[in-house]
Amino acid sequence: MSRRFGENIPDEGVMSVMYDDSIIQDVAAENAQDMVEVGVTMNAGEYRAKWYGEDEKTAKARTRGLARGKAPKGDDA
């Protein structure tokens, strides 16, 4: 790559940016609201599935384990 006068410059690499809907949607506020709603309109398994990306079966198993005082198993433990 050359910009001027024949000077070679190193490749600056590749940059990727991932956008979410946080400009339109306040993710932190939504997460806080969901925390408040656990036990009222949402169960703990639904919360884990939504915010930790777990499938329903895994989320339910981990919430049962936490209720018994056991640490969850997996990557986020």
Foldseek 3Di string as FASTA:
>chain_A
DDDDPPDDDDDPDDDDDDDDCCVVPVPVVVLVVVVVCDVPPHDQLRSCCVPVVDPSVLSVVQVVCVVVVHHRDDDVD
